[in-house]
Amino acid sequence: MYALEVRDHIMIAHSLPRPVFGPAQGLHGATYIVDVAFFRETLDPDNLVVDIGLASDALKKLLAPLNYQNLDTVPALAGQITTTEFLARFIFDGMAAAVKAGDLGPHAAGLAKLRVTLEESHVARASFEGALA
């Protein structure tokens, strides 16, 4: 299977208000490196997995409302515990919607799956991976 990845980052603040999170229950900041991997069985007619420029633009657009924000106050995340795992799925869903909407070009419909990975430090990261319908 072919794969292509694009990368960006976001700087956020949030709290994780449950005892299991210990000191992270309080408001704290994080800088996430965000990687999105696109997979397909065969290359498109231009021998691409997906257009890198369009994929990068779609990721930047998706992340913009989160960047430099307190996620506790972002309406799209209201009522959620914004763990790294949750955010990986949230970004996956946004990128899958961008693929479906044609934002990554007409041949992106041939993508088989996506993986979104958020690296929160040099020792910890979380991902969500799934097929595209």
N, C-alpha and C. Protein backbone atom coordinates (compact mmCIF):
# COMPACT_ATOMS: atom_id res chain seq x y z
N MET A 1 0.86 -1.17 0.00
CA MET A 1 0.00 0.00 0.00
C MET A 1 0.90 1.23 0.00
N TYR A 2 0.52 2.23 -0.78
CA TYR A 2 1.24 3.50 -0.84
C TYR A 2 0.78 4.41 0.29
N ALA A 3 1.69 5.26 0.75
CA ALA A 3 1.35 6.21 1.81
C ALA A 3 2.06 7.53 1.55
N LEU A 4 1.42 8.59 1.97
CA LEU A 4 1.99 9.92 1.94
C LEU A 4 1.56 10.61 3.23
N GLU A 5 2.47 11.36 3.84
CA GLU A 5 2.14 12.08 5.08
C GLU A 5 2.40 13.56 4.94
N VAL A 6 1.55 14.34 5.58
CA VAL A 6 1.78 15.77 5.72
C VAL A 6 1.79 16.08 7.22
N ARG A 7 2.42 17.20 7.56
CA ARG A 7 2.63 17.54 8.97
C ARG A 7 2.35 19.02 9.20
N ASP A 8 1.82 19.30 10.38
CA ASP A 8 1.65 20.67 10.85
C ASP A 8 1.73 20.62 12.37
N HIS A 9 1.42 21.70 13.02
CA HIS A 9 1.42 21.69 14.48
C HIS A 9 0.40 22.69 14.99
N ILE A 10 -0.01 22.48 16.24
CA ILE A 10 -0.90 23.43 16.91
C ILE A 10 -0.40 23.63 18.34
N MET A 11 -0.64 24.82 18.84
CA MET A 11 -0.36 25.15 20.24
C MET A 11 -1.70 25.41 20.89
N ILE A 12 -1.99 24.67 21.95
CA ILE A 12 -3.31 24.77 22.58
C ILE A 12 -3.16 24.87 24.10
N ALA A 13 -4.26 25.21 24.74
CA ALA A 13 -4.42 25.07 26.19
C ALA A 13 -5.68 24.26 26.40
N HIS A 14 -5.73 23.52 27.49
CA HIS A 14 -6.94 22.79 27.85
C HIS A 14 -6.79 22.25 29.26
N SER A 15 -7.88 21.76 29.80
CA SER A 15 -7.85 21.06 31.07
C SER A 15 -8.51 19.70 30.86
N LEU A 16 -8.15 18.76 31.69
CA LEU A 16 -8.71 17.41 31.61
C LEU A 16 -9.33 17.10 32.98
N PRO A 17 -10.58 17.57 33.20
CA PRO A 17 -11.16 17.64 34.54
C PRO A 17 -11.71 16.31 35.09
N ARG A 18 -10.82 15.36 35.23
CA ARG A 18 -11.18 14.09 35.88
C ARG A 18 -9.99 13.65 36.73
N PRO A 19 -10.23 13.01 37.85
CA PRO A 19 -9.13 12.62 38.74
C PRO A 19 -8.04 11.76 38.07
N VAL A 20 -8.41 10.95 37.11
CA VAL A 20 -7.44 10.09 36.45
C VAL A 20 -6.29 10.87 35.81
N PHE A 21 -6.52 12.15 35.50
CA PHE A 21 -5.52 12.97 34.83
C PHE A 21 -4.55 13.68 35.78
N GLY A 22 -4.71 13.47 37.07
CA GLY A 22 -3.77 14.04 38.04
C GLY A 22 -3.57 15.53 37.83
N PRO A 23 -2.30 15.98 37.76
CA PRO A 23 -2.05 17.42 37.64
C PRO A 23 -2.56 18.02 36.32
N ALA A 24 -2.84 17.20 35.31
CA ALA A 24 -3.36 17.72 34.05
C ALA A 24 -4.83 18.11 34.14
N GLN A 25 -5.44 17.93 35.32
CA GLN A 25 -6.82 18.37 35.51
C GLN A 25 -6.92 19.88 35.36
N GLY A 26 -5.89 20.58 35.77
CA GLY A 26 -5.88 22.03 35.67
C GLY A 26 -5.52 22.49 34.27
N LEU A 27 -5.74 23.75 34.03
CA LEU A 27 -5.42 24.34 32.73
C LEU A 27 -3.93 24.24 32.47
N HIS A 28 -3.58 23.73 31.29
CA HIS A 28 -2.16 23.60 30.91
C HIS A 28 -2.06 23.70 29.40
N GLY A 29 -0.87 23.89 28.92
CA GLY A 29 -0.65 24.04 27.50
C GLY A 29 0.00 22.82 26.89
N ALA A 30 -0.12 22.71 25.58
CA ALA A 30 0.53 21.63 24.83
C ALA A 30 0.80 22.11 23.42
N THR A 31 1.88 21.63 22.86
CA THR A 31 2.17 21.83 21.45
C THR A 31 2.14 20.45 20.81
N TYR A 32 1.24 20.26 19.89
CA TYR A 32 1.10 18.98 19.20
C TYR A 32 1.69 19.06 17.80
N ILE A 33 2.52 18.10 17.45
CA ILE A 33 2.89 17.89 16.06
C ILE A 33 1.83 16.96 15.50
N VAL A 34 1.22 17.36 14.39
CA VAL A 34 0.10 16.61 13.81
C VAL A 34 0.54 16.04 12.46
N ASP A 35 0.52 14.72 12.36
CA ASP A 35 0.84 14.03 11.12
C ASP A 35 -0.42 13.36 10.59
N VAL A 36 -0.67 13.54 9.30
CA VAL A 36 -1.79 12.85 8.65
C VAL A 36 -1.20 12.01 7.53
N ALA A 37 -1.44 10.71 7.61
CA ALA A 37 -0.98 9.77 6.59
C ALA A 37 -2.16 9.34 5.74
N PHE A 38 -1.96 9.37 4.43
CA PHE A 38 -2.97 8.98 3.45
C PHE A 38 -2.50 7.69 2.80
N PHE A 39 -3.39 6.72 2.66
CA PHE A 39 -3.03 5.41 2.11
C PHE A 39 -3.92 5.07 0.92
N ARG A 40 -3.32 4.42 -0.08
CA ARG A 40 -4.10 3.91 -1.21
C ARG A 40 -3.38 2.71 -1.80
N GLU A 41 -4.17 1.83 -2.40
CA GLU A 41 -3.64 0.59 -3.00
C GLU A 41 -2.85 0.87 -4.27
N THR A 42 -3.35 1.76 -5.12
CA THR A 42 -2.68 2.09 -6.38
C THR A 42 -2.58 3.60 -6.50
N LEU A 43 -1.58 4.06 -7.20
CA LEU A 43 -1.41 5.50 -7.39
C LEU A 43 -2.49 6.04 -8.33
N ASP A 44 -2.76 7.33 -8.20
CA ASP A 44 -3.76 7.96 -9.07
C ASP A 44 -3.16 8.15 -10.48
N PRO A 45 -3.92 8.69 -11.43
CA PRO A 45 -3.42 8.85 -12.80
C PRO A 45 -2.15 9.71 -12.92
N ASP A 46 -1.88 10.54 -11.89
CA ASP A 46 -0.67 11.36 -11.89
C ASP A 46 0.46 10.73 -11.07
N ASN A 47 0.28 9.45 -10.71
CA ASN A 47 1.24 8.70 -9.88
C ASN A 47 1.42 9.32 -8.49
N LEU A 48 0.33 9.79 -7.94
CA LEU A 48 0.31 10.37 -6.60
C LEU A 48 -0.57 9.56 -5.67
N VAL A 49 -0.27 9.62 -4.37
CA VAL A 49 -1.20 9.14 -3.36
C VAL A 49 -2.29 10.21 -3.20
N VAL A 50 -1.83 11.45 -3.00
CA VAL A 50 -2.72 12.60 -2.88
C VAL A 50 -1.84 13.83 -3.14
N ASP A 51 -2.45 14.89 -3.57
CA ASP A 51 -1.72 16.13 -3.82
C ASP A 51 -1.22 16.69 -2.48
N ILE A 52 0.10 16.80 -2.34
CA ILE A 52 0.70 17.26 -1.07
C ILE A 52 0.22 18.67 -0.72
N GLY A 53 0.17 19.56 -1.70
CA GLY A 53 -0.24 20.93 -1.43
C GLY A 53 -1.67 21.01 -0.94
N LEU A 54 -2.58 20.29 -1.60
CA LEU A 54 -3.97 20.30 -1.17
C LEU A 54 -4.14 19.65 0.20
N ALA A 55 -3.41 18.57 0.45
CA ALA A 55 -3.49 17.90 1.75
C ALA A 55 -2.97 18.83 2.86
N SER A 56 -1.86 19.50 2.59
CA SER A 56 -1.30 20.44 3.58
C SER A 56 -2.25 21.59 3.85
N ASP A 57 -2.85 22.13 2.78
CA ASP A 57 -3.80 23.23 2.94
C ASP A 57 -5.02 22.79 3.74
N ALA A 58 -5.53 21.59 3.47
CA ALA A 58 -6.71 21.09 4.19
C ALA A 58 -6.40 20.91 5.67
N LEU A 59 -5.21 20.39 5.98
CA LEU A 59 -4.83 20.21 7.38
C LEU A 59 -4.69 21.56 8.07
N LYS A 60 -4.02 22.49 7.45
CA LYS A 60 -3.84 23.83 8.03
C LYS A 60 -5.20 24.49 8.30
N LYS A 61 -6.12 24.37 7.36
CA LYS A 61 -7.46 24.95 7.51
C LYS A 61 -8.21 24.29 8.67
N LEU A 62 -8.08 22.98 8.78
CA LEU A 62 -8.76 22.25 9.86
C LEU A 62 -8.21 22.62 11.24
N LEU A 63 -6.89 22.80 11.31
CA LEU A 63 -6.26 23.09 12.60
C LEU A 63 -6.39 24.55 13.03
N ALA A 64 -6.61 25.46 12.09
CA ALA A 64 -6.63 26.89 12.39
C ALA A 64 -7.57 27.26 13.54
N PRO A 65 -8.79 26.74 13.61
CA PRO A 65 -9.67 27.14 14.72
C PRO A 65 -9.23 26.62 16.09
N LEU A 66 -8.27 25.68 16.11
CA LEU A 66 -7.78 25.13 17.37
C LEU A 66 -6.48 25.80 17.82
N ASN A 67 -5.73 26.33 16.88
CA ASN A 67 -4.40 26.85 17.16
C ASN A 67 -4.46 28.09 18.06
N TYR A 68 -3.66 28.09 19.10
CA TYR A 68 -3.59 29.18 20.09
C TYR A 68 -4.92 29.37 20.83
N GLN A 69 -5.69 28.31 20.96
CA GLN A 69 -6.97 28.40 21.65
C GLN A 69 -6.97 27.57 22.92
N ASN A 70 -7.84 27.96 23.85
CA ASN A 70 -8.15 27.12 24.99
C ASN A 70 -9.26 26.18 24.52
N LEU A 71 -8.94 24.91 24.37
CA LEU A 71 -9.92 23.96 23.83
C LEU A 71 -11.15 23.84 24.71
N ASP A 72 -11.05 24.21 25.97
CA ASP A 72 -12.20 24.18 26.88
C ASP A 72 -13.28 25.16 26.43
N THR A 73 -12.93 26.13 25.58
CA THR A 73 -13.89 27.15 25.16
C THR A 73 -14.24 27.07 23.67
N VAL A 74 -13.73 26.08 22.96
CA VAL A 74 -14.02 25.94 21.52
C VAL A 74 -15.38 25.25 21.37
N PRO A 75 -16.37 25.93 20.74
CA PRO A 75 -17.71 25.36 20.65
C PRO A 75 -17.77 23.95 20.04
N ALA A 76 -16.96 23.68 19.05
CA ALA A 76 -16.99 22.36 18.39
C ALA A 76 -16.54 21.24 19.32
N LEU A 77 -15.91 21.59 20.44
CA LEU A 77 -15.41 20.59 21.39
C LEU A 77 -16.16 20.63 22.71
N ALA A 78 -17.23 21.38 22.77
CA ALA A 78 -17.99 21.56 24.01
C ALA A 78 -18.38 20.21 24.60
N GLY A 79 -18.13 20.07 25.89
CA GLY A 79 -18.52 18.86 26.61
C GLY A 79 -17.57 17.69 26.44
N GLN A 80 -16.50 17.86 25.70
CA GLN A 80 -15.56 16.77 25.45
C GLN A 80 -14.34 16.88 26.36
N ILE A 81 -13.75 15.75 26.68
CA ILE A 81 -12.47 15.71 27.35
C ILE A 81 -11.44 15.59 26.23
N THR A 82 -10.70 16.65 26.01
CA THR A 82 -9.86 16.77 24.82
C THR A 82 -8.49 16.11 25.00
N THR A 83 -8.52 14.80 25.23
CA THR A 83 -7.29 14.03 25.31
C THR A 83 -6.62 14.00 23.93
N THR A 84 -5.39 13.59 23.93
CA THR A 84 -4.67 13.45 22.66
C THR A 84 -5.38 12.45 21.76
N GLU A 85 -5.87 11.36 22.34
CA GLU A 85 -6.59 10.35 21.57
C GLU A 85 -7.86 10.93 20.94
N PHE A 86 -8.61 11.68 21.75
CA PHE A 86 -9.83 12.30 21.23
C PHE A 86 -9.51 13.26 20.09
N LEU A 87 -8.48 14.07 20.27
CA LEU A 87 -8.12 15.03 19.23
C LEU A 87 -7.67 14.34 17.94
N ALA A 88 -7.00 13.21 18.05
CA ALA A 88 -6.61 12.45 16.86
C ALA A 88 -7.86 12.05 16.07
N ARG A 89 -8.89 11.58 16.74
CA ARG A 89 -10.13 11.20 16.06
C ARG A 89 -10.85 12.42 15.50
N PHE A 90 -10.86 13.50 16.25
CA PHE A 90 -11.50 14.73 15.79
C PHE A 90 -10.86 15.22 14.49
N ILE A 91 -9.54 15.21 14.44
CA ILE A 91 -8.83 15.65 13.23
C ILE A 91 -9.03 14.64 12.10
N PHE A 92 -9.03 13.35 12.42
CA PHE A 92 -9.33 12.33 11.41
C PHE A 92 -10.67 12.61 10.75
N ASP A 93 -11.70 12.84 11.56
CA ASP A 93 -13.03 13.08 11.02
C ASP A 93 -13.05 14.31 10.12
N GLY A 94 -12.33 15.36 10.52
CA GLY A 94 -12.26 16.56 9.69
C GLY A 94 -11.55 16.32 8.37
N MET A 95 -10.46 15.57 8.41
CA MET A 95 -9.73 15.27 7.16
C MET A 95 -10.54 14.33 6.27
N ALA A 96 -11.23 13.38 6.86
CA ALA A 96 -12.10 12.49 6.06
C ALA A 96 -13.20 13.29 5.38
N ALA A 97 -13.75 14.27 6.08
CA ALA A 97 -14.77 15.13 5.49
C ALA A 97 -14.18 15.96 4.35
N ALA A 98 -12.95 16.43 4.50
CA ALA A 98 -12.29 17.19 3.44
C ALA A 98 -12.07 16.33 2.20
N VAL A 99 -11.70 15.08 2.40
CA VAL A 99 -11.54 14.14 1.28
C VAL A 99 -12.89 13.98 0.56
N LYS A 100 -13.93 13.72 1.33
CA LYS A 100 -15.27 13.50 0.77
C LYS A 100 -15.78 14.74 0.03
N ALA A 101 -15.44 15.92 0.53
CA ALA A 101 -15.90 17.17 -0.09
C ALA A 101 -15.12 17.53 -1.35
N GLY A 102 -14.05 16.78 -1.63
CA GLY A 102 -13.25 17.06 -2.82
C GLY A 102 -12.16 18.07 -2.60
N ASP A 103 -11.91 18.46 -1.33
CA ASP A 103 -10.90 19.48 -1.03
C ASP A 103 -9.47 19.01 -1.32
N LEU A 104 -9.27 17.72 -1.47
CA LEU A 104 -7.94 17.18 -1.75
C LEU A 104 -7.81 16.75 -3.21
N GLY A 105 -8.72 17.21 -4.05
CA GLY A 105 -8.66 16.91 -5.47
C GLY A 105 -9.55 15.74 -5.85
N PRO A 106 -9.84 15.62 -7.13
CA PRO A 106 -10.79 14.61 -7.59
C PRO A 106 -10.30 13.17 -7.41
N HIS A 107 -9.01 12.95 -7.40
CA HIS A 107 -8.51 11.58 -7.27
C HIS A 107 -8.38 11.12 -5.83
N ALA A 108 -8.57 12.01 -4.89
CA ALA A 108 -8.50 11.63 -3.48
C ALA A 108 -9.60 10.65 -3.10
N ALA A 109 -10.63 10.56 -3.92
CA ALA A 109 -11.70 9.59 -3.68
C ALA A 109 -11.16 8.16 -3.68
N GLY A 110 -9.99 7.94 -4.27
CA GLY A 110 -9.39 6.61 -4.30
C GLY A 110 -8.60 6.25 -3.06
N LEU A 111 -8.55 7.15 -2.08
CA LEU A 111 -7.82 6.85 -0.84
C LEU A 111 -8.53 5.73 -0.08
N ALA A 112 -7.75 4.82 0.49
CA ALA A 112 -8.31 3.70 1.24
C ALA A 112 -8.48 4.00 2.72
N LYS A 113 -7.50 4.69 3.30
CA LYS A 113 -7.58 4.98 4.73
C LYS A 113 -6.70 6.18 5.09
N LEU A 114 -6.90 6.66 6.30
CA LEU A 114 -6.13 7.76 6.87
C LEU A 114 -5.63 7.34 8.24
N ARG A 115 -4.52 7.94 8.64
CA ARG A 115 -4.05 7.83 10.03
C ARG A 115 -3.65 9.22 10.48
N VAL A 116 -4.14 9.62 11.64
CA VAL A 116 -3.77 10.90 12.24
C VAL A 116 -3.02 10.60 13.52
N THR A 117 -1.83 11.18 13.63
CA THR A 117 -0.99 11.00 14.82
C THR A 117 -0.69 12.36 15.42
N LEU A 118 -0.90 12.49 16.72
CA LEU A 118 -0.54 13.70 17.46
C LEU A 118 0.59 13.35 18.40
N GLU A 119 1.71 14.01 18.22
CA GLU A 119 2.85 13.83 19.11
C GLU A 119 2.80 14.94 20.14
N GLU A 120 2.65 14.55 21.40
CA GLU A 120 2.56 15.56 22.44
C GLU A 120 3.87 15.80 23.16
N SER A 121 4.82 14.91 23.00
CA SER A 121 6.16 15.10 23.55
C SER A 121 7.09 14.11 22.85
N HIS A 122 8.35 14.15 23.21
CA HIS A 122 9.30 13.22 22.60
C HIS A 122 9.10 11.79 23.08
N VAL A 123 8.24 11.58 24.07
CA VAL A 123 8.01 10.23 24.60
C VAL A 123 6.57 9.76 24.49
N ALA A 124 5.66 10.59 23.97
CA ALA A 124 4.26 10.18 23.94
C ALA A 124 3.55 10.71 22.70
N ARG A 125 2.75 9.86 22.08
CA ARG A 125 1.91 10.24 20.95
C ARG A 125 0.71 9.32 20.91
N ALA A 126 -0.32 9.76 20.20
CA ALA A 126 -1.54 8.97 20.04
C ALA A 126 -2.01 9.09 18.60
N SER A 127 -2.71 8.06 18.13
CA SER A 127 -3.17 8.03 16.73
C SER A 127 -4.59 7.54 16.65
N PHE A 128 -5.22 7.88 15.54
CA PHE A 128 -6.46 7.24 15.12
C PHE A 128 -6.31 6.90 13.66
N GLU A 129 -6.64 5.67 13.30
CA GLU A 129 -6.52 5.19 11.93
C GLU A 129 -7.82 4.51 11.55
N GLY A 130 -8.25 4.77 10.32
CA GLY A 130 -9.48 4.13 9.87
C GLY A 130 -9.63 4.17 8.37
N ALA A 131 -10.51 3.31 7.89
CA ALA A 131 -10.82 3.24 6.47
C ALA A 131 -11.70 4.40 6.08
N LEU A 132 -11.62 4.78 4.81
CA LEU A 132 -12.51 5.80 4.26
C LEU A 132 -13.60 5.09 3.47
N ALA A 133 -14.83 5.46 3.73
CA ALA A 133 -15.95 4.81 3.05
C ALA A 133 -16.10 5.29 1.63
